[in-house]
C-alpha cells in the first residue's frame, strides 16, 4: 500500500529501535493504554512472532514509511478485529517530527482502502480523549462520526478525562 509520499508495510526486525523509542515515549502514553515501558526483548519477541494474519491475531499493525527513502514516520493498526461484524478498532501514531504534514490522513486513505477492498470491513472505530484536539480534528475532517460520549473514560495520572467514540463507515 503506497502513494507518492508514504508506504504502509509490515513490521520488520529492523524496526526494533524505532518501536522501542516510540513505545517508551511517556508523552505518547496519554493517547494510548500504555502504562509502563516495554523492554527490547518484549518488542523483539513481538516482531519475531508477528504474522500480520488479522484473522488469527485479530490485529494488523503496519509501519508508515517514506516512499522515497523508507524513513519510519509512524504506525497504523487494526485491533479488536471482529470478522463476524466486519469491524475493527483503529490506532494511529505519527512520529512527532512528521506531524502536521498530512501523514495521518494519507495513512488513513491507504488503510481504509485496504480495509474496504481486501478485508471487507464495514466500519472502523476509535476512542479519542476529548482533550486531544489534533486527533479529533483529523478524524472528524476525515468523516468519522461521533457515536458516543464517555464520561471519565480515560485515566491520566490521577485525573479522569472524557472521551468520544468515533465510527467510520467504509
Protein backbone atom coordinates (compact mmCIF):
# COMPACT_ATOMS: atom_id res chain seq x y z
CA UNK A 1 0.00 0.00 0.00
CA UNK A 2 1.60 3.21 -1.10
CA UNK A 3 1.26 6.61 -2.63
CA UNK A 4 3.95 9.03 -3.77
CA UNK A 5 4.71 10.14 -0.18
CA UNK A 6 4.14 7.18 2.17
CA UNK A 7 4.11 3.40 2.13
CA UNK A 8 2.39 1.12 4.63
CA UNK A 9 4.42 -2.03 5.14
CA UNK A 10 4.60 -4.91 7.62
CA UNK A 11 6.81 -4.52 10.66
CA UNK A 12 10.37 -5.79 10.24
CA UNK A 13 13.04 -6.79 12.79
CA UNK A 14 14.95 -3.67 11.73
CA UNK A 15 12.10 -1.60 13.23
CA UNK A 16 13.12 -2.59 16.77
CA UNK A 17 14.94 0.64 17.63
CA UNK A 18 12.24 2.99 16.38
CA UNK A 19 9.45 0.96 18.00
CA UNK A 20 11.42 0.92 21.25
CA UNK A 21 11.69 4.73 21.14
CA UNK A 22 8.02 5.27 20.25
CA UNK A 23 6.58 2.71 22.67
CA UNK A 24 8.68 4.05 25.54
CA UNK A 25 7.93 7.73 24.94
CA UNK A 26 5.82 8.51 28.01
CA UNK A 27 4.30 11.51 26.19
CA UNK A 28 2.59 9.02 23.84
CA UNK A 29 1.09 7.08 26.73
CA UNK A 30 -1.51 9.82 27.23
CA UNK A 31 -3.20 8.75 23.98
CA UNK A 32 -2.81 5.00 24.37
CA UNK A 33 -3.42 2.38 27.01
CA UNK A 34 0.29 2.04 27.79
CA UNK A 35 1.19 2.44 31.45
CA UNK A 36 4.75 1.07 31.58
CA UNK A 37 7.77 0.90 29.28
CA UNK A 38 8.44 -2.09 27.03
CA UNK A 39 11.76 -3.93 27.10
CA UNK A 40 13.71 -4.54 23.91
CA UNK A 41 13.22 -8.26 24.48
CA UNK A 42 9.42 -7.99 24.60
CA UNK A 43 9.39 -5.89 21.43
CA UNK A 44 11.85 -8.26 19.71
CA UNK A 45 9.62 -11.24 20.56
CA UNK A 46 6.61 -9.33 19.23
CA UNK A 47 8.44 -8.64 15.97
CA UNK A 48 9.66 -12.23 15.70
CA UNK A 49 6.22 -13.73 16.29
CA UNK A 50 4.12 -11.19 14.40
CA UNK A 51 2.41 -12.90 11.46
CA UNK A 52 0.19 -9.98 10.43
CA UNK A 53 -2.61 -12.53 10.00
CA UNK A 54 -5.55 -10.40 11.06
CA UNK A 55 -7.82 -13.45 11.21
CA UNK A 56 -5.69 -15.34 13.73
CA UNK A 57 -4.34 -12.45 15.83
CA UNK A 58 -7.35 -10.12 15.45
CA UNK A 59 -4.84 -7.32 14.80
CA UNK A 60 -2.76 -5.87 11.97
CA UNK A 61 -0.02 -3.31 12.60
CA UNK A 62 1.75 -1.56 9.75
CA UNK A 63 4.70 0.79 9.65
CA UNK A 64 4.21 4.14 7.90
CA UNK A 65 7.42 4.91 6.00
CA UNK A 66 8.59 7.44 3.46
CA UNK A 67 8.12 6.08 -0.05
CA UNK A 68 11.24 7.96 -1.11
CA UNK A 69 13.76 6.64 1.41
CA UNK A 70 11.98 4.26 3.80
CA UNK A 71 12.27 6.54 6.84
CA UNK A 72 9.83 5.37 9.55
CA UNK A 73 7.14 8.00 10.16
CA UNK A 74 4.65 6.17 12.38
CA UNK A 75 2.37 3.18 12.70
CA UNK A 76 -1.25 2.47 11.89
CA UNK A 77 -3.12 -0.56 13.04
CA UNK A 78 -6.33 -2.51 13.39
CA UNK A 79 -7.03 -4.32 16.64
CA UNK A 80 -10.07 -5.87 18.29
CA UNK A 81 -10.88 -7.13 14.79
CA UNK A 82 -14.37 -8.65 14.70
CA UNK A 83 -14.76 -10.68 11.48
CA UNK A 84 -18.37 -11.60 12.25
CA UNK A 85 -19.46 -7.95 12.32
CA UNK A 86 -16.75 -6.71 9.93
CA UNK A 87 -15.32 -4.01 12.18
CA UNK A 88 -12.05 -3.16 13.88
CA UNK A 89 -10.66 -0.58 16.25
CA UNK A 90 -8.13 1.79 14.74
CA UNK A 91 -4.82 3.01 16.13
CA UNK A 92 -2.59 5.69 14.62
CA UNK A 93 0.76 7.12 15.66
CA UNK A 94 2.59 9.73 13.63
CA UNK A 95 6.06 10.46 15.00
CA UNK A 96 6.31 14.00 16.36
CA UNK A 97 8.80 15.15 13.71
CA UNK A 98 6.37 14.15 10.94
CA UNK A 99 3.19 15.68 12.34
CA UNK A 100 1.38 18.48 10.55
CA UNK A 101 2.36 17.18 7.09
CA UNK A 102 -0.79 15.19 6.26
CA UNK A 103 0.87 11.83 7.01
CA UNK A 104 -2.02 10.66 9.21
CA UNK A 105 -4.61 11.43 6.56
CA UNK A 106 -2.60 9.70 3.84
CA UNK A 107 -2.17 6.64 6.07
CA UNK A 108 -5.93 6.61 6.71
CA UNK A 109 -6.59 6.78 2.96
CA UNK A 110 -4.39 3.76 2.29
CA UNK A 111 -5.61 1.76 5.27
CA UNK A 112 -9.30 2.45 4.63
CA UNK A 113 -8.91 1.36 1.02
CA UNK A 114 -7.23 -1.85 2.21
CA UNK A 115 -9.88 -2.44 4.89
CA UNK A 116 -12.72 -1.97 2.41
CA UNK A 117 -11.31 -3.78 -0.62
CA UNK A 118 -9.16 -6.56 0.84
CA UNK A 119 -10.56 -7.41 4.26
CA UNK A 120 -14.16 -6.43 3.62
CA UNK A 121 -14.58 -4.33 6.74
CA UNK A 122 -17.77 -2.33 7.11
CA UNK A 123 -16.59 0.05 9.79
CA UNK A 124 -13.68 1.30 11.87
CA UNK A 125 -13.95 2.88 15.28
CA UNK A 126 -11.69 4.76 17.63
CA UNK A 127 -11.90 6.22 21.13
CA UNK A 128 -10.39 9.71 21.43
CA UNK A 129 -9.78 11.74 24.58
CA UNK A 130 -11.79 14.97 24.23
CA UNK A 131 -8.64 16.94 25.13
CA UNK A 132 -6.83 15.58 22.04
CA UNK A 133 -7.98 18.26 19.61
CA UNK A 134 -5.49 17.33 16.89
CA UNK A 135 -6.81 13.76 16.70
CA UNK A 136 -10.42 14.87 16.94
CA UNK A 137 -9.90 17.31 14.07
CA UNK A 138 -8.19 14.69 11.91
CA UNK A 139 -10.88 12.05 12.38
CA UNK A 140 -13.79 14.49 12.17
CA UNK A 141 -12.37 16.02 8.97
CA UNK A 142 -11.88 12.52 7.56
CA UNK A 143 -15.55 11.71 8.06
CA UNK A 144 -15.62 9.78 11.33
CA UNK A 145 -18.88 10.37 13.15
CA UNK A 146 -19.38 10.68 16.88
CA UNK A 147 -21.26 7.61 18.06
CA UNK A 148 -20.94 8.10 21.80
CA UNK A 149 -19.69 10.28 24.62
CA UNK A 150 -17.96 8.55 27.51
CA UNK A 151 -17.64 10.44 30.79
CA UNK A 152 -14.48 9.95 32.84
CA UNK A 153 -13.40 7.21 30.41
CA UNK A 154 -9.63 7.71 30.34
CA UNK A 155 -7.42 7.96 33.42
CA UNK A 156 -4.29 10.08 33.04
CA UNK A 157 -2.32 10.29 36.27
CA UNK A 158 -4.92 10.94 38.93
CA UNK A 159 -7.42 12.71 36.64
CA UNK A 160 -10.16 11.21 34.51
CA UNK A 161 -10.93 12.56 31.04
CA UNK A 162 -13.97 12.27 28.83
CA UNK A 163 -13.67 10.51 25.50
CA UNK A 164 -15.69 10.19 22.34
CA UNK A 165 -16.35 7.06 20.34
CA UNK A 166 -15.97 7.78 16.64
CA UNK A 167 -17.10 5.49 13.81
CA UNK A 168 -16.25 5.46 10.14
CA UNK A 169 -18.33 3.52 7.65
CA UNK A 170 -16.29 2.20 4.75
